[in-house]
C-alpha cells in the first residue's frame, strides 16, 4: 500500500503544465504531429493547453474539436493571415506576437502557469515569450528551416525581402531551451543551414508518430470494401506543388490499358479554399489527367466519393476526414507517396500501420521509415517509369503471400519504432532535462535591431502593396 502511494506521489511530482503555440491548427503533417504530441503528453498525466491563431472546426483534426484537447484561438483579431495573398510570413510573425501579448496581458498565461512551452513552425516569438514568462522552458520543434521552403528566391526583391526573416529565424531559435527535429535528414539540413547554431546546441531527433492503439472504426471493421472491391492506388498529400502529386498521375498513366482496367488512382489530401495554391494545383492536376486521357472526377464529401461512377480512373478527394482516410487505407493495394526530400512524412507510417505497402521517393524522411523490399519500395522521383513498374508489380505480379508478408512487416515496424507512446515519452524526457538546467539560452543584445527590422518590414510591405 505504501509503495502504491509513493508511486502516485512520484507521478504527481512529475506532472507538468504544458502550453502549445501553433500558428494554424488545420489539417497537415505538422498539425498532426502537434495533436499527437499534445494527446500523448496529456495521456502521461500532464495538463495541456493549445493556443493557435486559427482553428476552423470544419477543417481540423477530430481531437482539436471534440473536446479531447483544450484548444484556444487567440491573436487573430488584428492581423490577417496574408495581404492580397502575399506577405504570409510577415503576417504569421505578427499574429504570433499578437497571440503571446494577448495571453500575457489578459493574465491567461499566468493563470495557466505553464512549466514549459511546445512551439513549432515559427520561432520568431521565442525571445518575447522568454522575456514575458522566464520561468517556462521552451521546447522548439523544427519541422524544416523555413528559409529553404520559400519559393521565388531568384527574384532580387524576394531575396531582399527575406533577409531579415532568415536572420530572425536562426537568432530566435537560440532562445529555445531544447531544439528537436523530425528526422535525421532534417537534422543534417539544419546543421548545414545554421552551422553556428548546430555547433552550440544539440539537435535531437524526435520522430513523428501514429497512434498504434487506435481500434478500427465499426464502418471499417464491418463495412464493405470501397467501390465494390475495385482495386485502387492511393496518394495522400496536401494539394501543393512541392508534393509532386503529378508524379503519381503520370506513373499511373504509364500502366497499360489492360493493367489500368478495373484499377483506379485516388488522389486525396488536405485542401483549403483559402489557400490559392491548393485551388490552383488541384486545377493543374485535373488538366494533367485530361491531357493524359484519364477520366477523372472531384469529390468533396464522403457521400459523393462513395458514389463515383465505375469508369472514373482518377478520383480527387478534397479535405479527407479521418473516417474516409481510414476506409481508403483499409482497402488500397498501394500507397504512392511522391514528395522528394520530404522532411519526414507521416502518411507512409499510417499506411504501413494499416498493412499497406508504400512506394515513396528515395530521398528525405521516407528513407528512415520505409524498408526497401520489406515494407515497400524507394524509387527516384526523376524516373517515372520505375514508379510505374512498382505499381504493375504490386497489382499483378506479387503473390498474396508476398503481399501479406510485407503487410505484417510494415505493421511491426511502425509499432516497434514510431508509436505515439514513444514520441510523447521522448518529448517528456527532453523537457525534463531542460527544466533541470538553470541557465537560459539566447541574448537580447540584438533586440533593438529586431525592432528596427520589424518597422522596416512593415514599411517595405506597405510600399510593395501600394505598388501592386
Protein backbone atom coordinates (compact mmCIF):
# COMPACT_ATOMS: atom_id res chain seq x y z
CA UNK A 1 0.00 0.00 0.00
CA UNK A 2 2.83 2.36 0.92
CA UNK A 3 4.64 1.57 -2.33
CA UNK A 4 1.49 2.35 -4.34
CA UNK A 5 1.04 5.67 -2.53
CA UNK A 6 4.68 6.57 -3.12
CA UNK A 7 4.33 5.76 -6.80
CA UNK A 8 1.26 8.02 -7.05
CA UNK A 9 3.10 10.85 -5.28
CA UNK A 10 6.05 10.43 -7.62
CA UNK A 11 3.74 10.65 -10.64
CA UNK A 12 2.13 13.79 -9.22
CA UNK A 13 5.53 15.42 -8.72
CA UNK A 14 6.37 14.76 -12.35
CA UNK A 15 3.10 16.12 -13.70
CA UNK A 16 3.62 19.34 -15.66
CA UNK A 17 1.51 22.05 -17.23
CA UNK A 18 2.41 22.48 -20.89
CA UNK A 19 1.34 25.19 -23.32
CA UNK A 20 1.48 24.61 -27.08
CA UNK A 21 1.77 27.51 -29.54
CA UNK A 22 0.94 26.70 -33.17
CA UNK A 23 0.11 29.18 -35.99
CA UNK A 24 -2.81 27.44 -37.75
CA UNK A 25 -4.27 24.23 -36.35
CA UNK A 26 -5.66 22.90 -39.62
CA UNK A 27 -5.05 19.59 -41.39
CA UNK A 28 -1.48 18.71 -42.30
CA UNK A 29 1.59 16.78 -41.19
CA UNK A 30 2.76 19.48 -38.76
CA UNK A 31 -0.71 19.78 -37.26
CA UNK A 32 -1.00 16.00 -36.92
CA UNK A 33 2.29 15.95 -35.01
CA UNK A 34 1.16 18.76 -32.69
CA UNK A 35 -2.12 17.00 -31.94
CA UNK A 36 -0.41 13.65 -31.36
CA UNK A 37 2.23 15.21 -29.11
CA UNK A 38 -0.42 17.05 -27.10
CA UNK A 39 -2.60 13.96 -26.69
CA UNK A 40 0.43 11.80 -25.83
CA UNK A 41 1.68 14.20 -23.16
CA UNK A 42 -1.85 14.57 -21.80
CA UNK A 43 -2.08 10.77 -21.52
CA UNK A 44 1.11 10.87 -19.46
CA UNK A 45 -0.70 12.92 -16.82
CA UNK A 46 0.25 16.43 -17.89
CA UNK A 47 -2.13 19.36 -18.32
CA UNK A 48 -2.02 20.60 -21.92
CA UNK A 49 -3.41 23.79 -23.44
CA UNK A 50 -3.03 24.65 -27.14
CA UNK A 51 -3.06 28.27 -28.30
CA UNK A 52 -3.41 28.94 -32.01
CA UNK A 53 -4.23 31.90 -34.24
CA UNK A 54 -6.69 29.88 -36.32
CA UNK A 55 -8.67 26.67 -35.92
CA UNK A 56 -11.67 26.00 -38.15
CA UNK A 57 -13.88 23.27 -36.61
CA UNK A 58 -14.74 22.11 -40.12
CA UNK A 59 -11.07 21.89 -41.14
CA UNK A 60 -9.11 20.39 -38.25
CA UNK A 61 -8.39 17.02 -36.69
CA UNK A 62 -11.04 15.43 -34.51
CA UNK A 63 -9.08 15.84 -31.26
CA UNK A 64 -8.98 19.62 -31.79
CA UNK A 65 -12.77 19.94 -31.96
CA UNK A 66 -14.29 17.11 -29.95
CA UNK A 67 -13.03 18.18 -26.52
CA UNK A 68 -10.09 15.80 -26.32
CA UNK A 69 -7.75 18.80 -26.26
CA UNK A 70 -8.14 22.27 -24.77
CA UNK A 71 -7.72 24.42 -27.91
CA UNK A 72 -7.96 28.21 -27.60
CA UNK A 73 -7.89 30.64 -30.53
CA UNK A 74 -6.10 33.90 -29.72
CA UNK A 75 -4.20 36.62 -31.57
CA UNK A 76 -6.47 36.59 -34.62
CA UNK A 77 -8.36 39.87 -34.32
CA UNK A 78 -5.89 42.43 -35.73
CA UNK A 79 -3.52 40.96 -38.33
CA UNK A 80 -4.89 38.96 -41.30
CA UNK A 81 -3.21 35.71 -42.38
CA UNK A 82 -2.00 37.43 -45.56
CA UNK A 83 -2.27 40.69 -47.50
CA UNK A 84 -3.54 40.28 -51.05
CA UNK A 85 -2.46 36.60 -50.80
CA UNK A 86 1.10 37.79 -50.08
CA UNK A 87 3.34 38.60 -47.08
CA UNK A 88 2.28 35.39 -45.29
CA UNK A 89 5.48 35.16 -43.22
CA UNK A 90 5.22 38.78 -42.06
CA UNK A 91 1.59 38.29 -41.07
CA UNK A 92 2.34 34.97 -39.36
CA UNK A 93 5.05 36.57 -37.21
CA UNK A 94 2.85 39.49 -36.23
CA UNK A 95 -0.03 37.13 -35.41
CA UNK A 96 2.24 35.04 -33.19
CA UNK A 97 3.47 38.14 -31.36
CA UNK A 98 -0.14 39.29 -31.01
CA UNK A 99 -1.12 35.91 -29.55
CA UNK A 100 1.71 35.95 -26.99
CA UNK A 101 0.96 39.52 -25.94
CA UNK A 102 -2.76 38.80 -25.65
CA UNK A 103 -2.44 35.76 -23.40
CA UNK A 104 0.14 37.64 -21.30
CA UNK A 105 -1.68 40.93 -20.74
CA UNK A 106 -5.05 39.23 -20.13
CA UNK A 107 -3.30 37.14 -17.44
CA UNK A 108 -4.49 33.98 -19.16
CA UNK A 109 -0.93 32.69 -19.34
CA UNK A 110 -0.25 33.49 -15.68
CA UNK A 111 -3.42 31.65 -14.65
CA UNK A 112 -2.32 28.54 -16.53
CA UNK A 113 1.20 28.82 -15.07
CA UNK A 114 2.95 26.54 -17.58
CA UNK A 115 6.16 24.74 -16.74
CA UNK A 116 7.14 24.58 -20.40
CA UNK A 117 6.12 25.61 -23.90
CA UNK A 118 5.95 23.48 -27.03
CA UNK A 119 6.43 25.76 -30.05
CA UNK A 120 6.76 24.67 -33.66
CA UNK A 121 6.93 26.06 -37.22
CA UNK A 122 7.52 29.69 -36.17
CA UNK A 123 10.33 30.69 -33.81
CA UNK A 124 10.04 34.49 -34.09
CA UNK A 125 8.11 34.83 -30.83
CA UNK A 126 10.53 32.87 -28.67
CA UNK A 127 12.55 35.89 -27.42
CA UNK A 128 9.34 37.67 -26.42
CA UNK A 129 7.97 34.53 -24.80
CA UNK A 130 11.11 34.04 -22.74
CA UNK A 131 11.15 37.70 -21.73
CA UNK A 132 7.49 37.81 -20.64
CA UNK A 133 7.44 34.39 -18.97
CA UNK A 134 11.02 33.47 -17.98
CA UNK A 135 10.07 30.58 -15.70
CA UNK A 136 8.72 28.43 -18.55
CA UNK A 137 11.18 26.33 -20.53
CA UNK A 138 10.83 26.41 -24.33
CA UNK A 139 10.86 23.28 -26.46
CA UNK A 140 11.05 24.19 -30.16
CA UNK A 141 10.22 21.62 -32.81
CA UNK A 142 11.83 22.42 -36.16
CA UNK A 143 9.97 20.65 -38.97
CA UNK A 144 12.35 22.21 -41.53
CA UNK A 145 14.18 25.55 -41.98
CA UNK A 146 11.60 28.00 -43.31
CA UNK A 147 14.19 29.82 -45.39
CA UNK A 148 14.61 26.67 -47.51
CA UNK A 149 10.88 26.38 -48.15
CA UNK A 150 10.46 29.79 -49.74
CA UNK A 151 9.83 29.82 -53.46
CA UNK A 152 10.76 32.57 -55.91
CA UNK A 153 14.14 33.45 -54.41
CA UNK A 154 15.58 34.02 -57.87
CA UNK A 155 13.88 37.41 -57.82
CA UNK A 156 16.04 40.17 -56.34
CA UNK A 157 13.20 41.83 -54.41
CA UNK A 158 12.25 38.44 -52.92
CA UNK A 159 15.79 37.80 -51.70
CA UNK A 160 15.97 41.29 -50.18
CA UNK A 161 12.56 40.88 -48.57
CA UNK A 162 13.58 37.56 -46.97
CA UNK A 163 16.92 38.73 -45.46
CA UNK A 164 15.54 39.88 -42.09
CA UNK A 165 13.23 36.86 -41.83
CA UNK A 166 16.09 34.44 -42.47
CA UNK A 167 18.22 36.16 -39.84
CA UNK A 168 15.31 36.25 -37.39
CA UNK A 169 14.64 32.53 -37.79
CA UNK A 170 18.13 31.49 -36.68
CA UNK A 171 18.51 34.13 -33.96
CA UNK A 172 15.11 33.47 -32.37
CA UNK A 173 15.69 29.71 -32.29
CA UNK A 174 18.64 30.30 -29.98
CA UNK A 175 16.12 31.23 -27.25
CA UNK A 176 14.75 27.69 -27.12
CA UNK A 177 15.93 25.58 -24.22
CA UNK A 178 15.68 22.47 -26.39
CA UNK A 179 15.51 22.04 -30.17
CA UNK A 180 14.17 18.91 -31.83
CA UNK A 181 13.86 17.93 -35.48
CA UNK A 182 11.60 15.38 -37.15
CA UNK A 183 14.24 13.17 -38.81
CA UNK A 184 17.95 12.64 -39.20
CA UNK A 185 17.56 14.03 -42.71
CA UNK A 186 16.22 17.30 -41.30
CA UNK A 187 18.92 17.28 -38.63
CA UNK A 188 21.57 17.23 -41.34
CA UNK A 189 19.85 20.03 -43.27
CA UNK A 190 19.57 22.21 -40.16
CA UNK A 191 23.22 21.62 -39.34
CA UNK A 192 24.31 22.68 -42.82
CA UNK A 193 21.95 25.65 -42.89
CA UNK A 194 22.87 27.04 -39.46
CA UNK A 195 26.29 25.61 -38.55
CA UNK A 196 26.82 28.15 -35.77
CA UNK A 197 23.52 27.20 -34.11
CA UNK A 198 24.17 23.48 -34.50
CA UNK A 199 27.66 23.83 -33.02
CA UNK A 200 26.27 25.41 -29.85
CA UNK A 201 23.07 23.43 -29.47
CA UNK A 202 22.32 19.74 -29.53
CA UNK A 203 19.72 18.94 -32.16
CA UNK A 204 17.63 16.00 -31.01
CA UNK A 205 15.62 13.79 -33.34
CA UNK A 206 12.03 13.15 -32.30
CA UNK A 207 10.19 11.16 -34.94
CA UNK A 208 6.53 11.99 -35.53
CA UNK A 209 4.20 9.16 -34.68
CA UNK A 210 0.94 7.43 -35.36
CA UNK A 211 -1.49 6.11 -32.77
CA UNK A 212 -0.76 2.40 -32.69
CA UNK A 213 -3.57 1.65 -30.22
CA UNK A 214 -6.49 3.03 -32.17
CA UNK A 215 -9.09 0.40 -32.99
CA UNK A 216 -10.69 0.27 -36.39
CA UNK A 217 -13.97 2.13 -36.62
CA UNK A 218 -17.11 0.00 -36.97
CA UNK A 219 -17.55 1.32 -40.52
CA UNK A 220 -14.16 -0.14 -41.45
CA UNK A 221 -14.32 -3.27 -39.31
CA UNK A 222 -17.74 -4.36 -40.52
CA UNK A 223 -18.12 -2.33 -43.70
CA UNK A 224 -17.93 -3.47 -47.27
CA UNK A 225 -14.86 -2.75 -49.43
CA UNK A 226 -14.94 0.61 -51.21
CA UNK A 227 -16.42 0.71 -54.70
CA UNK A 228 -17.49 -2.95 -54.56
CA UNK A 229 -13.94 -4.14 -54.04
CA UNK A 230 -12.47 -2.25 -57.01
CA UNK A 231 -8.66 -2.14 -56.89
CA UNK A 232 -7.16 1.30 -56.38
CA UNK A 233 -3.84 3.02 -55.78
CA UNK A 234 -3.80 5.79 -53.19
CA UNK A 235 -1.99 9.12 -52.92
CA UNK A 236 -2.48 11.19 -49.75
CA UNK A 237 -0.91 14.65 -49.65
CA UNK A 238 -1.83 18.29 -49.42
CA UNK A 239 -2.60 19.87 -52.77
CA UNK A 240 0.76 21.63 -53.03
CA UNK A 241 3.20 21.63 -55.94
CA UNK A 242 6.14 20.58 -53.77
CA UNK A 243 4.28 17.33 -53.01
CA UNK A 244 4.59 16.41 -56.70
CA UNK A 245 1.29 14.52 -56.85
CA UNK A 246 1.59 14.82 -60.63
CA UNK A 247 4.21 12.04 -60.43
CA UNK A 248 1.55 9.58 -59.23
CA UNK A 249 -0.77 10.52 -62.10
CA UNK A 250 2.00 10.18 -64.70
CA UNK A 251 3.11 6.82 -63.31
CA UNK A 252 -0.48 5.57 -63.30
CA UNK A 253 -0.92 6.74 -66.89
CA UNK A 254 2.16 4.68 -67.76
CA UNK A 255 0.31 1.45 -66.98
CA UNK A 256 -1.06 -0.35 -69.99
CA UNK A 257 -4.80 -0.02 -70.65
CA UNK A 258 -5.16 -3.67 -69.66
CA UNK A 259 -3.43 -3.05 -66.31
CA UNK A 260 -5.48 0.08 -65.67
CA UNK A 261 -8.76 -1.67 -66.39
CA UNK A 262 -10.53 -2.09 -63.08
CA UNK A 263 -7.86 -0.08 -61.21
CA UNK A 264 -8.38 3.50 -60.02
CA UNK A 265 -5.94 6.13 -58.76
CA UNK A 266 -7.33 8.01 -55.77
CA UNK A 267 -5.68 11.37 -55.07
CA UNK A 268 -6.72 12.51 -51.60
CA UNK A 269 -5.44 15.18 -49.28
CA UNK A 270 -5.64 18.47 -47.45
CA UNK A 271 -7.39 21.23 -49.33
CA UNK A 272 -8.31 24.71 -48.14
CA UNK A 273 -10.28 27.15 -50.29
CA UNK A 274 -8.42 30.00 -48.57
CA UNK A 275 -5.09 28.77 -49.96
CA UNK A 276 -4.59 29.83 -53.57
CA UNK A 277 -2.01 27.11 -54.19
CA UNK A 278 -4.43 24.37 -53.12
CA UNK A 279 -7.02 25.61 -55.59
CA UNK A 280 -4.52 26.19 -58.38
CA UNK A 281 -2.69 22.89 -58.01
CA UNK A 282 -5.89 20.88 -57.95
CA UNK A 283 -6.87 22.53 -61.24
CA UNK A 284 -3.43 21.71 -62.67
CA UNK A 285 -3.79 18.05 -61.70
CA UNK A 286 -7.22 17.87 -63.31
CA UNK A 287 -5.76 19.39 -66.51
CA UNK A 288 -2.89 16.87 -66.39
CA UNK A 289 -5.30 13.95 -66.09
CA UNK A 290 -7.30 15.25 -69.03
CA UNK A 291 -4.17 15.69 -71.14
CA UNK A 292 -3.19 12.07 -70.45
CA UNK A 293 -6.60 10.84 -71.46
CA UNK A 294 -7.58 9.77 -67.94
CA UNK A 295 -11.24 10.16 -66.98
CA UNK A 296 -11.45 11.95 -63.64
CA UNK A 297 -13.81 13.37 -61.05
CA UNK A 298 -13.55 15.54 -57.93
CA UNK A 299 -15.49 14.71 -54.75
CA UNK A 300 -15.80 16.93 -51.69
CA UNK A 301 -17.96 14.72 -49.44
CA UNK A 302 -17.97 11.07 -48.35
CA UNK A 303 -21.35 10.52 -49.99
CA UNK A 304 -20.11 11.84 -53.34
CA UNK A 305 -16.87 9.87 -53.01
CA UNK A 306 -18.66 6.59 -52.45
CA UNK A 307 -20.99 7.10 -55.41
CA UNK A 308 -18.28 7.62 -58.04
CA UNK A 309 -19.09 6.01 -61.42
CA UNK A 310 -17.10 2.86 -62.12
CA UNK A 311 -15.40 4.28 -65.23
CA UNK A 312 -13.65 7.14 -63.35
CA UNK A 313 -9.90 6.44 -63.48
CA UNK A 314 -8.58 9.31 -61.32
CA UNK A 315 -10.62 10.40 -58.32
CA UNK A 316 -9.71 13.62 -56.48
CA UNK A 317 -10.87 13.76 -52.85
CA UNK A 318 -10.60 17.16 -51.16
CA UNK A 319 -10.04 17.54 -47.38
CA UNK A 320 -10.46 13.88 -46.50
CA UNK A 321 -11.93 13.29 -43.00
CA UNK A 322 -10.32 10.69 -40.75
CA UNK A 323 -13.04 8.09 -41.32
CA UNK A 324 -12.72 8.21 -45.09
CA UNK A 325 -8.92 8.11 -44.87
CA UNK A 326 -9.17 5.03 -42.66
CA UNK A 327 -11.54 3.42 -45.16
CA UNK A 328 -9.16 4.20 -48.02
CA UNK A 329 -6.13 2.75 -46.24
CA UNK A 330 -8.09 -0.36 -45.32
CA UNK A 331 -8.83 -1.15 -48.98
CA UNK A 332 -5.99 0.18 -51.13
CA UNK A 333 -3.35 -2.03 -52.77
CA UNK A 334 -0.51 0.52 -52.58
CA UNK A 335 0.23 3.93 -51.09
CA UNK A 336 2.03 6.18 -53.59
CA UNK A 337 3.96 8.84 -51.66
CA UNK A 338 5.51 11.28 -54.12
CA UNK A 339 7.27 14.20 -52.31
CA UNK A 340 11.03 14.43 -52.87
CA UNK A 341 13.24 15.40 -49.92
CA UNK A 342 10.25 15.21 -47.61
CA UNK A 343 11.26 16.27 -44.11
CA UNK A 344 9.70 13.15 -42.60
CA UNK A 345 6.32 12.05 -43.97
CA UNK A 346 3.64 10.75 -41.61
CA UNK A 347 1.43 9.17 -44.29
CA UNK A 348 3.80 6.24 -45.01
CA UNK A 349 3.61 5.32 -41.31
CA UNK A 350 -0.18 5.42 -41.38
CA UNK A 351 -0.17 3.20 -44.44
CA UNK A 352 2.27 0.65 -43.00
CA UNK A 353 0.28 0.52 -39.75
CA UNK A 354 -2.76 -0.33 -41.87
CA UNK A 355 -0.76 -3.09 -43.56
CA UNK A 356 -0.35 -1.25 -46.86
CA UNK A 357 2.97 -1.38 -48.76
CA UNK A 358 4.45 2.01 -49.60
CA UNK A 359 6.06 3.36 -52.77
CA UNK A 360 7.99 6.52 -51.87
CA UNK A 361 10.78 8.78 -53.10
CA UNK A 362 14.30 7.60 -52.29
CA UNK A 363 15.16 10.89 -50.60
CA UNK A 364 14.36 12.53 -47.27
CA UNK A 365 12.40 11.13 -44.35
CA UNK A 366 10.85 8.07 -46.07
CA UNK A 367 14.33 6.53 -46.31
CA UNK A 368 14.23 6.31 -42.48
CA UNK A 369 10.78 4.72 -42.32
CA UNK A 370 10.27 2.58 -45.44
CA UNK A 371 12.47 -0.52 -45.72
CA UNK A 372 13.19 -1.38 -49.35
CA UNK A 373 11.68 -4.71 -50.34
CA UNK A 374 10.30 -5.35 -46.83
CA UNK A 375 7.69 -2.70 -46.14
CA UNK A 376 7.69 -1.02 -49.55
CA UNK A 377 9.91 0.45 -52.24
CA UNK A 378 12.03 3.58 -52.67
CA UNK A 379 12.40 4.99 -56.18
CA UNK A 380 13.86 8.14 -57.75
CA UNK A 381 11.23 10.83 -58.39
CA UNK A 382 13.07 11.61 -61.64
CA UNK A 383 12.30 8.17 -63.10
CA UNK A 384 8.55 7.90 -63.65
CA UNK A 385 8.96 4.53 -65.34
CA UNK A 386 10.33 2.96 -62.14
CA UNK A 387 7.20 4.07 -60.29
CA UNK A 388 5.02 2.54 -62.97
CA UNK A 389 6.95 -0.73 -62.65
CA UNK A 390 6.26 -0.93 -58.90
CA UNK A 391 2.56 -0.21 -59.50
CA UNK A 392 2.45 -3.02 -62.08
CA UNK A 393 4.31 -5.39 -59.76
CA UNK A 394 2.01 -4.70 -56.82
CA UNK A 395 -1.17 -5.04 -58.87
CA UNK A 396 -0.32 -8.08 -60.97
CA UNK A 397 2.93 -9.84 -60.06
CA UNK A 398 3.27 -10.25 -56.30
CA UNK A 399 1.50 -13.19 -54.72
CA UNK A 400 -0.97 -12.88 -51.85
CA UNK A 401 1.63 -14.46 -49.58
CA UNK A 402 4.29 -11.90 -50.55
CA UNK A 403 1.91 -9.00 -50.00
CA UNK A 404 0.81 -10.45 -46.65
CA UNK A 405 4.44 -10.70 -45.53
CA UNK A 406 5.05 -7.04 -46.45
CA UNK A 407 1.87 -6.07 -44.65
CA UNK A 408 2.96 -7.77 -41.43
CA UNK A 409 6.45 -6.26 -41.67
CA UNK A 410 5.01 -2.76 -42.03
CA UNK A 411 2.74 -3.11 -39.01
CA UNK A 412 5.59 -4.43 -36.84
CA UNK A 413 7.97 -1.68 -37.92
CA UNK A 414 5.56 1.11 -37.01
CA UNK A 415 4.50 -0.38 -33.67
CA UNK A 416 8.10 -1.01 -32.60
CA UNK A 417 9.57 2.34 -33.68
CA UNK A 418 7.02 5.05 -34.39
CA UNK A 419 4.26 4.80 -31.79
CA UNK A 420 2.65 7.77 -30.05
CA UNK A 421 3.80 6.48 -26.67
CA UNK A 422 7.45 6.54 -27.76
CA UNK A 423 7.17 10.08 -29.13
CA UNK A 424 5.45 11.51 -26.04
CA UNK A 425 7.97 9.80 -23.76
CA UNK A 426 10.85 11.24 -25.80
CA UNK A 427 9.45 14.80 -25.68
CA UNK A 428 8.69 14.48 -21.98
CA UNK A 429 12.27 13.40 -21.28
CA UNK A 430 13.74 16.32 -23.23
CA UNK A 431 11.51 18.82 -21.43
CA UNK A 432 12.50 17.32 -18.06
CA UNK A 433 16.15 17.77 -18.99
CA UNK A 434 15.58 21.43 -19.89
CA UNK A 435 13.81 22.03 -16.56
CA UNK A 436 16.87 20.79 -14.73
CA UNK A 437 19.14 23.38 -16.38
CA UNK A 438 19.20 26.75 -14.62
CA UNK A 439 20.94 28.80 -17.32
CA UNK A 440 18.88 30.12 -20.24
CA UNK A 441 19.71 30.42 -23.91
CA UNK A 442 19.69 33.42 -26.22
CA UNK A 443 20.89 37.00 -25.99
CA UNK A 444 18.77 40.16 -26.08
CA UNK A 445 21.60 42.28 -27.49
CA UNK A 446 20.05 42.42 -30.99
CA UNK A 447 16.59 43.38 -29.65
CA UNK A 448 16.88 46.96 -30.92
CA UNK A 449 17.87 45.67 -34.34
CA UNK A 450 14.85 43.38 -34.25
CA UNK A 451 12.54 46.31 -33.58
CA UNK A 452 14.03 48.29 -36.42
CA UNK A 453 13.75 45.27 -38.70
CA UNK A 454 10.06 44.84 -37.93
CA UNK A 455 9.40 48.52 -38.62
CA UNK A 456 11.39 48.28 -41.84
CA UNK A 457 9.50 45.19 -42.89
CA UNK A 458 6.16 46.86 -42.26
CA UNK A 459 7.24 49.89 -44.27
CA UNK A 460 8.58 47.77 -47.12
CA UNK A 461 5.46 45.65 -47.11
CA UNK A 462 3.16 48.64 -47.28
CA UNK A 463 5.25 50.16 -50.05
CA UNK A 464 5.10 46.97 -52.11
CA UNK A 465 1.37 46.58 -51.51
CA UNK A 466 0.83 50.16 -52.63
CA UNK A 467 2.85 49.49 -55.77
CA UNK A 468 0.88 46.30 -56.51
